[in-house]
C-alpha cells in the first residue's frame, strides 16, 4: 500500500501539469483507478474548504482588532490586515483549484463508466451498473453544486476585504478606522454565511466519499 501511495504522489508531481488522460492511464497501470483518484480529490477539496474557513475566521479577527487600534498603530495594522487578505485570497484560489481537479477526474470517470456499459453481455449486470452510475452521478452533482455555492460566496467577501485594505492603505487615520467600523458588521455576517455554506459542502463531500467507499 505504501508503494502504491508513493507512486501516486510521484506521478502527481510529474504529470499534474500534463495531459489528464495520460495521467489517469498511468495511474490505472499501477492499480490506482479513477474512482480512487476522485475520492482523494474530494477529500483534498474538502480539506481546502476547512482550511479556508479557518483563514477567513482569522481575517475577521484581524479586522476586528484593526478597528480598535490607536492611530499611531495604523501602519502596522494595515500590514497585518493586508497579510490576512493575501492569505485569504490564496486559500480561496486553492479551493477553486481543487474543485477543478475534482471535476476533471469525475468527468473522466463517468465517461469511462458510460462507455463500459456497452461492453456488458449480461443485461441484469448492465442494468445494475447503469443504476449505480445514475445514483453516483446524482450524489456527485449535489456535492459539486454545494462546493460551487460555497466557492462563489468567497469572492464578494474578498472584494469587500480588498476594498477595505486599500482604503486603509491610503488613509492611515482615524477617519479610515471609522469607515472600517461601518463595514465590520456586514463582513462578519458574510463570513458567517460562507462558513455555513462550507459546512454544508463539507458534509456533502463526506457523504459522497462514504457512498463511493461502500462495498
N, C-alpha and C. Protein backbone atom coordinates (compact mmCIF):
# COMPACT_ATOMS: atom_id res chain seq x y z
N UNK A 1 0.83 -1.21 0.00
CA UNK A 1 0.00 0.00 0.00
C UNK A 1 0.86 1.26 0.00
N UNK A 2 1.95 1.20 0.79
CA UNK A 2 2.85 2.35 0.84
C UNK A 2 3.49 2.61 -0.50
N UNK A 3 3.85 1.52 -1.21
CA UNK A 3 4.48 1.69 -2.52
C UNK A 3 3.52 2.31 -3.52
N UNK A 4 2.24 1.92 -3.44
CA UNK A 4 1.23 2.50 -4.33
C UNK A 4 1.05 3.98 -4.02
N UNK A 5 1.01 4.30 -2.72
CA UNK A 5 0.86 5.70 -2.31
C UNK A 5 2.05 6.53 -2.77
N UNK A 6 3.23 5.98 -2.65
CA UNK A 6 4.43 6.70 -3.09
C UNK A 6 4.40 6.92 -4.59
N UNK A 7 4.00 5.88 -5.32
CA UNK A 7 3.89 6.02 -6.78
C UNK A 7 2.87 7.09 -7.15
N UNK A 8 1.78 7.07 -6.43
CA UNK A 8 0.72 8.07 -6.68
C UNK A 8 1.23 9.50 -6.50
N UNK A 9 1.97 9.72 -5.41
CA UNK A 9 2.49 11.06 -5.14
C UNK A 9 3.51 11.49 -6.18
N UNK A 10 4.37 10.56 -6.57
CA UNK A 10 5.39 10.89 -7.58
C UNK A 10 4.75 11.22 -8.92
N UNK A 11 3.77 10.41 -9.32
CA UNK A 11 3.10 10.66 -10.59
C UNK A 11 2.30 11.94 -10.56
N UNK A 12 1.75 12.26 -9.40
CA UNK A 12 1.01 13.52 -9.26
C UNK A 12 1.92 14.70 -9.55
N UNK A 13 3.14 14.63 -9.03
CA UNK A 13 4.10 15.71 -9.23
C UNK A 13 4.57 15.77 -10.68
N UNK A 14 4.82 14.60 -11.26
CA UNK A 14 5.38 14.55 -12.60
C UNK A 14 4.37 14.87 -13.70
N UNK A 15 3.11 14.49 -13.45
CA UNK A 15 2.12 14.56 -14.52
C UNK A 15 1.03 15.59 -14.31
N UNK A 16 1.05 16.28 -13.18
CA UNK A 16 -0.03 17.22 -12.87
C UNK A 16 -0.15 18.32 -13.91
N UNK A 17 0.98 18.70 -14.50
CA UNK A 17 0.95 19.77 -15.50
C UNK A 17 0.71 19.22 -16.90
N UNK A 18 0.64 17.90 -17.05
CA UNK A 18 0.49 17.30 -18.36
C UNK A 18 -0.93 16.93 -18.68
N UNK A 19 -1.07 16.01 -19.65
CA UNK A 19 -2.38 15.60 -20.13
C UNK A 19 -3.07 14.74 -19.08
N UNK A 20 -4.32 15.06 -18.77
CA UNK A 20 -5.06 14.30 -17.76
C UNK A 20 -5.24 12.85 -18.17
N UNK A 21 -5.49 12.62 -19.46
CA UNK A 21 -5.70 11.26 -19.94
C UNK A 21 -4.46 10.40 -19.70
N UNK A 22 -3.30 10.95 -20.00
CA UNK A 22 -2.04 10.23 -19.77
C UNK A 22 -1.89 9.93 -18.29
N UNK A 23 -2.21 10.91 -17.48
CA UNK A 23 -2.10 10.74 -16.01
C UNK A 23 -2.99 9.61 -15.52
N UNK A 24 -4.26 9.63 -15.93
CA UNK A 24 -5.20 8.61 -15.47
C UNK A 24 -4.80 7.23 -15.97
N UNK A 25 -4.35 7.15 -17.23
CA UNK A 25 -3.94 5.86 -17.78
C UNK A 25 -2.73 5.32 -17.03
N UNK A 26 -1.80 6.20 -16.71
CA UNK A 26 -0.60 5.77 -15.99
C UNK A 26 -0.96 5.29 -14.59
N UNK A 27 -1.84 6.00 -13.93
CA UNK A 27 -2.26 5.60 -12.59
C UNK A 27 -2.99 4.26 -12.62
N UNK A 28 -3.78 4.05 -13.68
CA UNK A 28 -4.52 2.79 -13.82
C UNK A 28 -3.55 1.60 -13.88
N UNK A 29 -2.44 1.81 -14.53
CA UNK A 29 -1.46 0.72 -14.69
C UNK A 29 -0.81 0.33 -13.37
N UNK A 30 -0.79 1.23 -12.40
CA UNK A 30 -0.21 0.89 -11.09
C UNK A 30 -1.29 0.59 -10.06
N UNK A 31 -2.52 0.39 -10.55
CA UNK A 31 -3.58 -0.06 -9.67
C UNK A 31 -4.38 1.03 -8.99
N UNK A 32 -4.21 2.28 -9.41
CA UNK A 32 -4.98 3.39 -8.84
C UNK A 32 -6.01 3.83 -9.86
N UNK A 33 -7.27 3.54 -9.60
CA UNK A 33 -8.33 3.81 -10.57
C UNK A 33 -8.91 5.21 -10.40
N UNK A 34 -9.69 5.62 -11.39
CA UNK A 34 -10.27 6.97 -11.36
C UNK A 34 -11.14 7.17 -10.13
N UNK A 35 -11.83 6.13 -9.72
CA UNK A 35 -12.65 6.22 -8.51
C UNK A 35 -11.77 6.56 -7.29
N UNK A 36 -10.60 5.93 -7.20
CA UNK A 36 -9.68 6.19 -6.10
C UNK A 36 -9.18 7.63 -6.14
N UNK A 37 -8.86 8.09 -7.35
CA UNK A 37 -8.37 9.47 -7.52
C UNK A 37 -9.47 10.46 -7.16
N UNK A 38 -10.71 10.14 -7.56
CA UNK A 38 -11.84 11.01 -7.24
C UNK A 38 -12.01 11.14 -5.73
N UNK A 39 -11.94 10.02 -5.03
CA UNK A 39 -12.06 10.06 -3.57
C UNK A 39 -10.97 10.95 -2.97
N UNK A 40 -9.73 10.77 -3.42
CA UNK A 40 -8.63 11.58 -2.90
C UNK A 40 -8.83 13.06 -3.19
N UNK A 41 -9.34 13.37 -4.37
CA UNK A 41 -9.50 14.78 -4.74
C UNK A 41 -10.69 15.42 -4.02
N UNK A 42 -11.72 14.66 -3.78
CA UNK A 42 -12.84 15.20 -2.99
C UNK A 42 -12.38 15.47 -1.56
N UNK A 43 -11.58 14.55 -1.02
CA UNK A 43 -11.03 14.78 0.32
C UNK A 43 -10.16 16.03 0.33
N UNK A 44 -9.37 16.20 -0.72
CA UNK A 44 -8.48 17.36 -0.81
C UNK A 44 -9.28 18.66 -0.89
N UNK A 45 -10.35 18.66 -1.69
CA UNK A 45 -11.20 19.84 -1.80
C UNK A 45 -11.91 20.13 -0.48
N UNK A 46 -12.36 19.08 0.17
CA UNK A 46 -12.99 19.23 1.49
C UNK A 46 -12.03 19.85 2.49
N UNK A 47 -10.81 19.34 2.51
CA UNK A 47 -9.81 19.86 3.45
C UNK A 47 -9.44 21.30 3.14
N UNK A 48 -9.41 21.64 1.84
CA UNK A 48 -9.11 23.02 1.46
C UNK A 48 -10.19 23.97 1.94
N UNK A 49 -11.44 23.52 1.93
CA UNK A 49 -12.54 24.35 2.43
C UNK A 49 -12.44 24.53 3.95
N UNK A 50 -12.04 23.47 4.63
CA UNK A 50 -11.85 23.57 6.08
C UNK A 50 -10.76 24.59 6.40
N UNK A 51 -9.66 24.53 5.65
CA UNK A 51 -8.56 25.47 5.86
C UNK A 51 -8.99 26.90 5.51
N UNK A 52 -9.79 27.03 4.47
CA UNK A 52 -10.27 28.36 4.07
C UNK A 52 -11.18 28.95 5.15
N UNK A 53 -12.01 28.11 5.75
CA UNK A 53 -12.85 28.56 6.85
C UNK A 53 -12.01 29.19 7.96
N UNK A 54 -10.97 28.48 8.35
CA UNK A 54 -10.11 28.97 9.43
C UNK A 54 -9.41 30.27 9.03
N UNK A 55 -9.02 30.36 7.77
CA UNK A 55 -8.34 31.57 7.31
C UNK A 55 -9.28 32.77 7.31
N UNK A 56 -10.51 32.58 6.85
CA UNK A 56 -11.46 33.69 6.84
C UNK A 56 -11.83 34.11 8.26
N UNK A 57 -11.90 33.15 9.18
CA UNK A 57 -12.12 33.49 10.58
C UNK A 57 -10.97 34.33 11.13
N UNK A 58 -9.76 33.92 10.78
CA UNK A 58 -8.56 34.65 11.22
C UNK A 58 -8.56 36.07 10.66
N UNK A 59 -8.95 36.19 9.40
CA UNK A 59 -9.00 37.52 8.77
C UNK A 59 -10.03 38.41 9.47
N UNK A 60 -11.17 37.83 9.82
CA UNK A 60 -12.20 38.60 10.52
C UNK A 60 -11.70 39.05 11.89
N UNK A 61 -10.98 38.18 12.57
CA UNK A 61 -10.42 38.54 13.88
C UNK A 61 -9.42 39.68 13.76
N UNK A 62 -8.62 39.63 12.70
CA UNK A 62 -7.65 40.71 12.48
C UNK A 62 -8.36 42.01 12.15
N UNK A 63 -9.43 41.91 11.36
CA UNK A 63 -10.23 43.09 11.02
C UNK A 63 -10.81 43.70 12.29
N UNK A 64 -11.30 42.84 13.19
CA UNK A 64 -11.88 43.33 14.45
C UNK A 64 -10.83 44.04 15.29
N UNK A 65 -9.60 43.53 15.28
CA UNK A 65 -8.54 44.16 16.07
C UNK A 65 -8.12 45.49 15.47
N UNK A 66 -8.19 45.61 14.14
CA UNK A 66 -7.79 46.84 13.47
C UNK A 66 -8.69 48.01 13.86
N UNK A 67 -9.98 47.76 13.95
CA UNK A 67 -10.91 48.86 14.23
C UNK A 67 -10.84 49.32 15.69
N UNK A 68 -9.97 48.66 16.47
CA UNK A 68 -9.79 49.04 17.87
C UNK A 68 -8.43 49.69 18.13
N UNK A 69 -7.57 49.75 17.12
CA UNK A 69 -6.20 50.23 17.35
C UNK A 69 -6.14 51.75 17.50
N UNK A 70 -5.06 52.19 18.11
CA UNK A 70 -4.79 53.62 18.21
C UNK A 70 -4.23 54.13 16.88
N UNK A 71 -4.39 55.39 16.64
CA UNK A 71 -3.95 55.98 15.37
C UNK A 71 -2.46 55.75 15.11
N UNK A 72 -1.66 55.68 16.15
CA UNK A 72 -0.22 55.51 15.98
C UNK A 72 0.15 54.11 15.48
N UNK A 73 -0.79 53.18 15.57
CA UNK A 73 -0.51 51.80 15.17
C UNK A 73 -1.09 51.45 13.80
N UNK A 74 -1.57 52.41 13.06
CA UNK A 74 -2.30 52.14 11.84
C UNK A 74 -1.46 51.47 10.75
N UNK A 75 -0.21 51.88 10.61
CA UNK A 75 0.64 51.29 9.57
C UNK A 75 0.83 49.79 9.83
N UNK A 76 1.13 49.45 11.06
CA UNK A 76 1.29 48.05 11.43
C UNK A 76 -0.02 47.29 11.26
N UNK A 77 -1.12 47.93 11.62
CA UNK A 77 -2.44 47.30 11.48
C UNK A 77 -2.74 47.02 10.01
N UNK A 78 -2.40 47.98 9.15
CA UNK A 78 -2.62 47.79 7.71
C UNK A 78 -1.83 46.59 7.20
N UNK A 79 -0.57 46.49 7.59
CA UNK A 79 0.29 45.41 7.11
C UNK A 79 -0.25 44.05 7.54
N UNK A 80 -0.72 43.96 8.77
CA UNK A 80 -1.26 42.69 9.26
C UNK A 80 -2.56 42.34 8.53
N UNK A 81 -3.40 43.35 8.31
CA UNK A 81 -4.67 43.11 7.63
C UNK A 81 -4.43 42.72 6.18
N UNK A 82 -3.45 43.35 5.55
CA UNK A 82 -3.12 43.01 4.16
C UNK A 82 -2.60 41.58 4.06
N UNK A 83 -1.81 41.17 5.04
CA UNK A 83 -1.32 39.78 5.06
C UNK A 83 -2.49 38.80 5.15
N UNK A 84 -3.46 39.13 5.99
CA UNK A 84 -4.62 38.26 6.14
C UNK A 84 -5.43 38.21 4.84
N UNK A 85 -5.54 39.36 4.17
CA UNK A 85 -6.26 39.37 2.90
C UNK A 85 -5.57 38.48 1.87
N UNK A 86 -4.24 38.62 1.77
CA UNK A 86 -3.50 37.83 0.79
C UNK A 86 -3.59 36.33 1.10
N UNK A 87 -3.56 35.97 2.35
CA UNK A 87 -3.69 34.57 2.73
C UNK A 87 -5.11 34.05 2.44
N UNK A 88 -6.09 34.92 2.62
CA UNK A 88 -7.47 34.54 2.32
C UNK A 88 -7.65 34.33 0.82
N UNK A 89 -7.05 35.21 0.02
CA UNK A 89 -7.11 35.07 -1.42
C UNK A 89 -6.45 33.76 -1.86
N UNK A 90 -5.31 33.45 -1.26
CA UNK A 90 -4.60 32.21 -1.57
C UNK A 90 -5.43 30.99 -1.20
N UNK A 91 -6.08 31.04 -0.04
CA UNK A 91 -6.94 29.93 0.40
C UNK A 91 -8.11 29.73 -0.56
N UNK A 92 -8.69 30.84 -1.01
CA UNK A 92 -9.82 30.77 -1.95
C UNK A 92 -9.37 30.18 -3.28
N UNK A 93 -8.20 30.60 -3.75
CA UNK A 93 -7.67 30.07 -5.01
C UNK A 93 -7.42 28.57 -4.91
N UNK A 94 -6.95 28.14 -3.74
CA UNK A 94 -6.68 26.73 -3.53
C UNK A 94 -7.98 25.92 -3.57
N UNK A 95 -9.03 26.45 -2.98
CA UNK A 95 -10.33 25.78 -3.02
C UNK A 95 -10.80 25.62 -4.46
N UNK A 96 -10.71 26.70 -5.24
CA UNK A 96 -11.15 26.67 -6.64
C UNK A 96 -10.34 25.67 -7.45
N UNK A 97 -9.03 25.66 -7.23
CA UNK A 97 -8.16 24.74 -7.96
C UNK A 97 -8.51 23.29 -7.66
N UNK A 98 -8.78 22.99 -6.40
CA UNK A 98 -9.07 21.61 -6.03
C UNK A 98 -10.45 21.17 -6.52
N UNK A 99 -11.39 22.11 -6.59
CA UNK A 99 -12.70 21.79 -7.16
C UNK A 99 -12.55 21.46 -8.64
N UNK A 100 -11.72 22.23 -9.35
CA UNK A 100 -11.46 21.97 -10.77
C UNK A 100 -10.90 20.55 -10.97
N UNK A 101 -10.02 20.14 -10.07
CA UNK A 101 -9.43 18.80 -10.17
C UNK A 101 -10.46 17.71 -9.91
N UNK A 102 -11.39 17.98 -9.00
CA UNK A 102 -12.48 17.04 -8.75
C UNK A 102 -13.31 16.87 -10.03
N UNK A 103 -13.66 17.97 -10.66
CA UNK A 103 -14.46 17.92 -11.88
C UNK A 103 -13.75 17.17 -13.00
N UNK A 104 -12.44 17.39 -13.11
CA UNK A 104 -11.67 16.75 -14.17
C UNK A 104 -11.73 15.24 -14.08
N UNK A 105 -11.46 14.70 -12.91
CA UNK A 105 -11.45 13.24 -12.78
C UNK A 105 -12.86 12.67 -12.79
N UNK A 106 -13.83 13.41 -12.26
CA UNK A 106 -15.21 12.94 -12.27
C UNK A 106 -15.73 12.82 -13.71
N UNK A 107 -15.42 13.81 -14.53
CA UNK A 107 -15.84 13.76 -15.94
C UNK A 107 -15.24 12.53 -16.63
N UNK A 108 -13.96 12.28 -16.36
CA UNK A 108 -13.29 11.13 -16.97
C UNK A 108 -13.89 9.81 -16.46
N UNK A 109 -14.20 9.75 -15.17
CA UNK A 109 -14.77 8.54 -14.58
C UNK A 109 -16.12 8.22 -15.18
N UNK A 110 -17.01 9.21 -15.26
CA UNK A 110 -18.36 8.95 -15.76
C UNK A 110 -18.36 8.67 -17.27
N UNK A 111 -17.44 9.29 -17.98
CA UNK A 111 -17.32 9.00 -19.42
C UNK A 111 -16.89 7.54 -19.63
N UNK A 112 -15.91 7.10 -18.85
CA UNK A 112 -15.44 5.72 -18.94
C UNK A 112 -16.54 4.75 -18.54
N UNK A 113 -17.23 5.08 -17.48
CA UNK A 113 -18.31 4.21 -16.97
C UNK A 113 -19.39 4.04 -18.03
N UNK A 114 -19.76 5.14 -18.68
CA UNK A 114 -20.79 5.09 -19.71
C UNK A 114 -20.34 4.22 -20.88
N UNK A 115 -19.10 4.37 -21.30
CA UNK A 115 -18.58 3.58 -22.41
C UNK A 115 -18.54 2.09 -22.07
N UNK A 116 -18.20 1.77 -20.82
CA UNK A 116 -18.07 0.37 -20.42
C UNK A 116 -19.41 -0.32 -20.27
N UNK A 117 -20.48 0.46 -20.13
CA UNK A 117 -21.81 -0.16 -20.09
C UNK A 117 -22.11 -0.92 -21.38
N UNK A 118 -21.56 -0.44 -22.49
CA UNK A 118 -21.81 -1.07 -23.78
C UNK A 118 -21.07 -2.40 -23.93
N UNK A 119 -20.16 -2.68 -23.02
CA UNK A 119 -19.38 -3.92 -23.10
C UNK A 119 -20.07 -5.10 -22.42
N UNK A 120 -21.09 -4.81 -21.63
CA UNK A 120 -21.79 -5.88 -20.91
C UNK A 120 -22.56 -6.80 -21.87
N UNK A 121 -22.51 -8.08 -21.59
CA UNK A 121 -23.34 -9.06 -22.28
C UNK A 121 -24.52 -9.47 -21.39
N UNK A 122 -24.31 -9.42 -20.09
CA UNK A 122 -25.35 -9.78 -19.13
C UNK A 122 -26.24 -8.56 -18.88
N UNK A 123 -27.50 -8.63 -19.27
CA UNK A 123 -28.41 -7.49 -19.17
C UNK A 123 -28.67 -7.07 -17.72
N UNK A 124 -28.74 -8.04 -16.82
CA UNK A 124 -29.01 -7.72 -15.42
C UNK A 124 -27.85 -6.96 -14.79
N UNK A 125 -26.62 -7.41 -15.09
CA UNK A 125 -25.44 -6.72 -14.57
C UNK A 125 -25.32 -5.33 -15.17
N UNK A 126 -25.65 -5.22 -16.44
CA UNK A 126 -25.60 -3.92 -17.10
C UNK A 126 -26.60 -2.95 -16.46
N UNK A 127 -27.79 -3.44 -16.21
CA UNK A 127 -28.83 -2.60 -15.61
C UNK A 127 -28.43 -2.17 -14.20
N UNK A 128 -27.82 -3.09 -13.44
CA UNK A 128 -27.39 -2.77 -12.08
C UNK A 128 -26.28 -1.72 -12.10
N UNK A 129 -25.35 -1.86 -13.04
CA UNK A 129 -24.25 -0.90 -13.15
C UNK A 129 -24.76 0.47 -13.59
N UNK A 130 -25.70 0.46 -14.52
CA UNK A 130 -26.27 1.72 -15.00
C UNK A 130 -27.01 2.45 -13.88
N UNK A 131 -27.73 1.68 -13.08
CA UNK A 131 -28.44 2.28 -11.94
C UNK A 131 -27.45 2.87 -10.94
N UNK A 132 -26.38 2.13 -10.68
CA UNK A 132 -25.34 2.61 -9.76
C UNK A 132 -24.71 3.89 -10.29
N UNK A 133 -24.48 3.96 -11.58
CA UNK A 133 -23.89 5.16 -12.17
C UNK A 133 -24.82 6.36 -12.02
N UNK A 134 -26.11 6.16 -12.27
CA UNK A 134 -27.07 7.26 -12.15
C UNK A 134 -27.12 7.78 -10.72
N UNK A 135 -27.11 6.86 -9.76
CA UNK A 135 -27.13 7.25 -8.35
C UNK A 135 -25.87 8.02 -7.97
N UNK A 136 -24.73 7.52 -8.44
CA UNK A 136 -23.46 8.17 -8.13
C UNK A 136 -23.38 9.56 -8.76
N UNK A 137 -23.85 9.68 -10.01
CA UNK A 137 -23.83 10.98 -10.69
C UNK A 137 -24.74 11.98 -9.98
N UNK A 138 -25.87 11.50 -9.49
CA UNK A 138 -26.79 12.39 -8.77
C UNK A 138 -26.15 12.90 -7.50
N UNK A 139 -25.53 12.00 -6.73
CA UNK A 139 -24.86 12.41 -5.49
C UNK A 139 -23.69 13.34 -5.78
N UNK A 140 -22.96 13.03 -6.83
CA UNK A 140 -21.83 13.87 -7.23
C UNK A 140 -22.33 15.27 -7.61
N UNK A 141 -23.41 15.33 -8.38
CA UNK A 141 -23.95 16.62 -8.79
C UNK A 141 -24.38 17.47 -7.61
N UNK A 142 -24.99 16.85 -6.62
CA UNK A 142 -25.40 17.57 -5.41
C UNK A 142 -24.18 18.10 -4.65
N UNK A 143 -23.16 17.26 -4.56
CA UNK A 143 -21.93 17.68 -3.86
C UNK A 143 -21.25 18.82 -4.60
N UNK A 144 -21.14 18.69 -5.92
CA UNK A 144 -20.45 19.71 -6.71
C UNK A 144 -21.19 21.05 -6.65
N UNK A 145 -22.52 20.99 -6.71
CA UNK A 145 -23.31 22.21 -6.59
C UNK A 145 -23.04 22.91 -5.27
N UNK A 146 -22.98 22.13 -4.20
CA UNK A 146 -22.71 22.69 -2.88
C UNK A 146 -21.31 23.30 -2.82
N UNK A 147 -20.34 22.63 -3.44
CA UNK A 147 -18.98 23.16 -3.50
C UNK A 147 -18.94 24.52 -4.21
N UNK A 148 -19.61 24.58 -5.34
CA UNK A 148 -19.60 25.82 -6.13
C UNK A 148 -20.35 26.95 -5.41
N UNK A 149 -21.40 26.62 -4.69
CA UNK A 149 -22.12 27.64 -3.94
C UNK A 149 -21.22 28.26 -2.88
N UNK A 150 -20.46 27.41 -2.18
CA UNK A 150 -19.52 27.92 -1.18
C UNK A 150 -18.41 28.72 -1.85
N UNK A 151 -17.93 28.22 -2.99
CA UNK A 151 -16.86 28.89 -3.72
C UNK A 151 -17.28 30.31 -4.14
N UNK A 152 -18.51 30.43 -4.67
CA UNK A 152 -18.98 31.73 -5.13
C UNK A 152 -19.18 32.72 -3.98
N UNK A 153 -19.44 32.20 -2.79
CA UNK A 153 -19.64 33.06 -1.63
C UNK A 153 -18.34 33.75 -1.21
N UNK A 154 -17.21 33.16 -1.56
CA UNK A 154 -15.92 33.73 -1.15
C UNK A 154 -15.59 35.03 -1.87
N UNK A 155 -15.92 35.11 -3.16
CA UNK A 155 -15.45 36.25 -3.95
C UNK A 155 -15.98 37.60 -3.48
N UNK A 156 -17.29 37.75 -3.19
CA UNK A 156 -17.75 39.04 -2.68
C UNK A 156 -17.06 39.45 -1.38
N UNK A 157 -16.75 38.47 -0.53
CA UNK A 157 -16.04 38.77 0.72
C UNK A 157 -14.64 39.27 0.42
N UNK A 158 -13.96 38.60 -0.51
CA UNK A 158 -12.61 39.02 -0.89
C UNK A 158 -12.63 40.41 -1.51
N UNK A 159 -13.65 40.70 -2.32
CA UNK A 159 -13.76 42.03 -2.94
C UNK A 159 -13.92 43.11 -1.87
N UNK A 160 -14.80 42.83 -0.90
CA UNK A 160 -15.02 43.78 0.19
C UNK A 160 -13.76 43.95 1.03
N UNK A 161 -13.11 42.83 1.30
CA UNK A 161 -11.89 42.84 2.10
C UNK A 161 -10.82 43.68 1.40
N UNK A 162 -10.68 43.46 0.08
CA UNK A 162 -9.68 44.21 -0.68
C UNK A 162 -9.97 45.70 -0.63
N UNK A 163 -11.24 46.07 -0.80
CA UNK A 163 -11.61 47.49 -0.76
C UNK A 163 -11.20 48.13 0.57
N UNK A 164 -11.47 47.42 1.65
CA UNK A 164 -11.16 47.97 2.97
C UNK A 164 -9.66 48.06 3.21
N UNK A 165 -8.92 47.06 2.75
CA UNK A 165 -7.46 47.09 2.90
C UNK A 165 -6.87 48.25 2.11
N UNK A 166 -7.37 48.44 0.89
CA UNK A 166 -6.87 49.54 0.07
C UNK A 166 -7.22 50.90 0.68
N UNK A 167 -8.43 50.99 1.22
CA UNK A 167 -8.84 52.26 1.82
C UNK A 167 -7.97 52.58 3.02
N UNK A 168 -7.67 51.56 3.82
CA UNK A 168 -6.81 51.77 4.98
C UNK A 168 -5.40 52.15 4.55
N UNK A 169 -4.94 51.51 3.48
CA UNK A 169 -3.58 51.78 2.98
C UNK A 169 -3.39 53.26 2.64
N UNK A 170 -4.41 53.86 2.01
CA UNK A 170 -4.28 55.24 1.53
C UNK A 170 -4.89 56.27 2.48
N UNK A 171 -5.40 55.78 3.62
CA UNK A 171 -5.99 56.70 4.60
C UNK A 171 -5.64 56.24 6.01
N UNK A 172 -4.38 56.32 6.35
CA UNK A 172 -3.93 55.85 7.66
C UNK A 172 -4.25 56.89 8.73
N UNK A 173 -5.56 56.98 9.02
CA UNK A 173 -6.00 57.96 10.01
C UNK A 173 -7.27 57.48 10.70
N UNK A 174 -7.74 58.25 11.65
CA UNK A 174 -8.92 57.87 12.43
C UNK A 174 -10.16 57.75 11.54
N UNK A 175 -10.23 58.57 10.49
CA UNK A 175 -11.38 58.52 9.59
C UNK A 175 -11.47 57.15 8.91
N UNK A 176 -10.31 56.61 8.55
CA UNK A 176 -10.28 55.29 7.91
C UNK A 176 -10.80 54.23 8.86
N UNK A 177 -10.40 54.30 10.12
CA UNK A 177 -10.86 53.35 11.10
C UNK A 177 -12.37 53.43 11.27
N UNK A 178 -12.88 54.65 11.25
CA UNK A 178 -14.33 54.84 11.36
C UNK A 178 -15.06 54.19 10.20
N UNK A 179 -14.49 54.31 8.99
CA UNK A 179 -15.11 53.70 7.82
C UNK A 179 -15.09 52.17 7.93
N UNK A 180 -13.98 51.63 8.43
CA UNK A 180 -13.86 50.18 8.59
C UNK A 180 -14.84 49.65 9.62
N UNK A 181 -15.08 50.43 10.67
CA UNK A 181 -16.04 50.00 11.69
C UNK A 181 -17.42 49.82 11.07
N UNK A 182 -17.74 50.69 10.13
CA UNK A 182 -19.04 50.59 9.47
C UNK A 182 -19.16 49.36 8.58
N UNK A 183 -18.02 48.84 8.11
CA UNK A 183 -18.02 47.67 7.24
C UNK A 183 -17.98 46.35 8.02
N UNK A 184 -17.55 46.40 9.25
CA UNK A 184 -17.29 45.17 10.01
C UNK A 184 -18.52 44.29 10.15
N UNK A 185 -19.64 44.87 10.46
CA UNK A 185 -20.86 44.09 10.69
C UNK A 185 -21.24 43.29 9.45
N UNK A 186 -21.19 43.94 8.28
CA UNK A 186 -21.54 43.25 7.03
C UNK A 186 -20.55 42.13 6.73
N UNK A 187 -19.26 42.42 6.95
CA UNK A 187 -18.24 41.42 6.69
C UNK A 187 -18.41 40.21 7.61
N UNK A 188 -18.70 40.47 8.86
CA UNK A 188 -18.92 39.40 9.82
C UNK A 188 -20.10 38.53 9.41
N UNK A 189 -21.18 39.16 8.96
CA UNK A 189 -22.36 38.43 8.52
C UNK A 189 -22.06 37.58 7.29
N UNK A 190 -21.33 38.16 6.34
CA UNK A 190 -20.99 37.44 5.10
C UNK A 190 -20.09 36.24 5.38
N UNK A 191 -19.12 36.40 6.26
CA UNK A 191 -18.24 35.29 6.60
C UNK A 191 -19.01 34.20 7.34
N UNK A 192 -19.97 34.59 8.16
CA UNK A 192 -20.83 33.62 8.82
C UNK A 192 -21.60 32.78 7.81
N UNK A 193 -22.11 33.43 6.76
CA UNK A 193 -22.84 32.71 5.71
C UNK A 193 -21.89 31.78 4.95
N UNK A 194 -20.67 32.26 4.69
CA UNK A 194 -19.68 31.45 3.99
C UNK A 194 -19.38 30.17 4.78
N UNK A 195 -19.15 30.32 6.05
CA UNK A 195 -18.82 29.16 6.90
C UNK A 195 -19.98 28.16 6.91
N UNK A 196 -21.21 28.68 6.95
CA UNK A 196 -22.38 27.79 6.92
C UNK A 196 -22.43 27.01 5.61
N UNK A 197 -22.18 27.69 4.49
CA UNK A 197 -22.23 27.00 3.20
C UNK A 197 -21.08 26.02 3.05
N UNK A 198 -19.93 26.37 3.58
CA UNK A 198 -18.79 25.45 3.52
C UNK A 198 -19.05 24.22 4.37
N UNK A 199 -19.69 24.39 5.51
CA UNK A 199 -20.04 23.24 6.35
C UNK A 199 -21.00 22.32 5.61
N UNK A 200 -21.93 22.91 4.87
CA UNK A 200 -22.86 22.11 4.08
C UNK A 200 -22.11 21.35 2.99
N UNK A 201 -21.18 22.05 2.34
CA UNK A 201 -20.39 21.42 1.29
C UNK A 201 -19.52 20.31 1.83
N UNK A 202 -18.91 20.54 2.98
CA UNK A 202 -18.05 19.52 3.61
C UNK A 202 -18.89 18.29 3.98
N UNK A 203 -20.10 18.51 4.48
CA UNK A 203 -20.98 17.39 4.82
C UNK A 203 -21.35 16.59 3.57
N UNK A 204 -21.64 17.30 2.47
CA UNK A 204 -21.95 16.64 1.20
C UNK A 204 -20.74 15.82 0.72
N UNK A 205 -19.56 16.39 0.88
CA UNK A 205 -18.33 15.70 0.46
C UNK A 205 -18.14 14.42 1.25
N UNK A 206 -18.32 14.50 2.55
CA UNK A 206 -18.17 13.31 3.40
C UNK A 206 -19.17 12.22 3.02
N UNK A 207 -20.41 12.64 2.73
CA UNK A 207 -21.43 11.69 2.35
C UNK A 207 -21.10 11.03 1.01
N UNK A 208 -20.59 11.82 0.07
CA UNK A 208 -20.23 11.29 -1.25
C UNK A 208 -19.07 10.31 -1.14
N UNK A 209 -18.06 10.68 -0.35
CA UNK A 209 -16.90 9.79 -0.14
C UNK A 209 -17.36 8.46 0.44
N UNK A 210 -18.25 8.55 1.42
CA UNK A 210 -18.75 7.33 2.08
C UNK A 210 -19.49 6.45 1.08
N UNK A 211 -20.26 7.07 0.18
CA UNK A 211 -21.01 6.29 -0.80
C UNK A 211 -20.09 5.60 -1.79
N UNK A 212 -18.97 6.23 -2.14
CA UNK A 212 -18.02 5.62 -3.08
C UNK A 212 -17.25 4.49 -2.43
N UNK A 213 -17.07 4.57 -1.13
CA UNK A 213 -16.27 3.57 -0.44
C UNK A 213 -17.08 2.39 0.06
N UNK A 214 -18.39 2.43 -0.16
CA UNK A 214 -19.24 1.30 0.21
C UNK A 214 -18.95 0.11 -0.69
N UNK A 215 -18.91 -1.10 -0.15
CA UNK A 215 -18.64 -2.28 -0.98
C UNK A 215 -19.75 -2.53 -1.98
